[in-house]
Every structure is written in C-alpha cells, then in structure tokens.
Protein backbone atom coordinates (compact mmCIF):
# COMPACT_ATOMS: atom_id res chain seq x y z
CA MET A 1 -0.26 -0.02 0.39
CA THR A 2 1.25 3.13 -1.06
CA MET A 3 0.90 6.45 1.19
CA GLN A 4 0.16 9.67 -0.71
CA ILE A 5 2.31 12.71 0.27
CA ALA A 6 0.73 16.24 0.29
CA LEU A 7 2.61 18.68 -1.93
CA SER A 8 2.91 22.15 -0.74
CA VAL A 9 1.63 25.07 -3.13
CA GLY A 10 5.27 25.82 -4.01
CA GLN A 11 5.79 22.52 -5.14
CA GLN A 12 2.45 22.23 -7.10
CA PHE A 13 3.63 25.49 -8.82
CA GLU A 14 6.80 24.06 -9.58
CA ILE A 15 5.42 20.81 -10.99
CA GLU A 16 3.08 23.28 -13.05
CA ARG A 17 5.82 25.54 -14.34
CA PHE A 18 8.00 22.67 -15.58
CA SER A 19 4.86 21.22 -17.20
CA ARG A 20 3.85 24.23 -19.33
CA ALA A 21 7.85 24.65 -20.08
CA ILE A 22 7.87 21.07 -21.52
CA ASP A 23 4.60 21.47 -23.41
CA ALA A 24 5.59 24.83 -24.77
CA THR A 25 9.20 23.40 -26.10
CA ALA A 26 9.38 21.75 -29.30
CA ASP A 27 13.29 22.17 -29.26
CA THR A 28 14.88 18.96 -28.50
CA GLY A 29 17.93 20.62 -26.89
CA GLU A 30 15.54 22.48 -24.55
CA LEU A 31 13.68 19.35 -23.69
CA ARG A 32 16.83 17.82 -22.78
CA SER A 33 18.16 20.50 -20.76
CA ILE A 34 14.70 20.57 -18.99
CA ALA A 35 14.89 16.87 -18.28
CA LYS A 36 18.41 17.25 -16.82
CA GLN A 37 16.97 19.83 -14.39
CA LEU A 38 14.37 17.78 -13.09
CA LEU A 39 16.73 14.59 -12.68
CA GLN A 40 19.25 17.04 -10.84
CA ALA A 41 16.10 18.23 -8.81
CA TRP A 42 14.99 14.73 -8.14
CA HIS A 43 18.48 13.35 -7.05
CA THR A 44 19.02 16.21 -4.85
CA GLN A 45 15.77 15.77 -3.10
CA LYS A 46 16.37 11.86 -2.60
CA ALA A 47 19.69 13.13 -0.98
CA ALA A 48 18.20 15.23 1.43
CA THR A 49 15.69 13.01 2.27
CA ASN A 50 18.30 10.64 3.08
CA TRP A 51 20.04 12.94 5.23
CA VAL A 52 16.97 13.82 7.37
CA ILE A 53 16.58 10.13 7.91
CA SER A 54 20.05 9.59 8.92
CA GLN A 55 19.82 12.48 11.27
CA GLN A 56 16.79 11.27 12.68
CA MET A 57 18.09 7.86 13.06
CA ALA A 58 21.37 8.74 14.56
CA PRO A 59 20.28 9.70 18.30
CA ARG A 60 18.23 6.50 18.51
CA GLN A 61 21.40 4.45 17.04
CA ALA A 62 23.43 6.24 19.54
CA LEU A 63 20.87 5.02 22.32
CA VAL A 64 21.42 1.58 21.08
CA ASP A 65 24.86 1.78 21.06
CA GLY A 66 25.12 3.21 24.79
CA VAL A 67 26.64 6.59 23.21
CA ASP A 68 25.39 9.94 24.70
C-alpha cells in the first residue's frame, strides 16, 4: 500500500511551471536541458531525504549503542 504525500502549494507551482515549459518546447535540446534539471532536482531531493532520515536515526542509534 502506498501512502500519498501532500505537495505544498510551492511544489505544485513548480510542477505546473515545468509542465508548461515542457509543453511549450519543441526544441529537443531545450527538452533535454529541462529533463536534466528535473533529474538533478529529483536526485537532490532524494539525497536530502536520506540525510534527514539518517539525522533522525542517529540519536536513536546512539541510544542503542550506549553513546550519549
């Protein structure tokens, strides 16, 4: 079962902005550039999410390991 995550208004705006840019572009070079920007943003978000998870797990792991 997958859980839906609500997007902020700002995130929805960015999705709409990129969607319109893609729809308005016939130039394959520009589409390639947009795709690369989206890929970079996606991986940056994944890295940030993983960092937050590791930061939240670190205090718990310290308790398990007996470190204060």
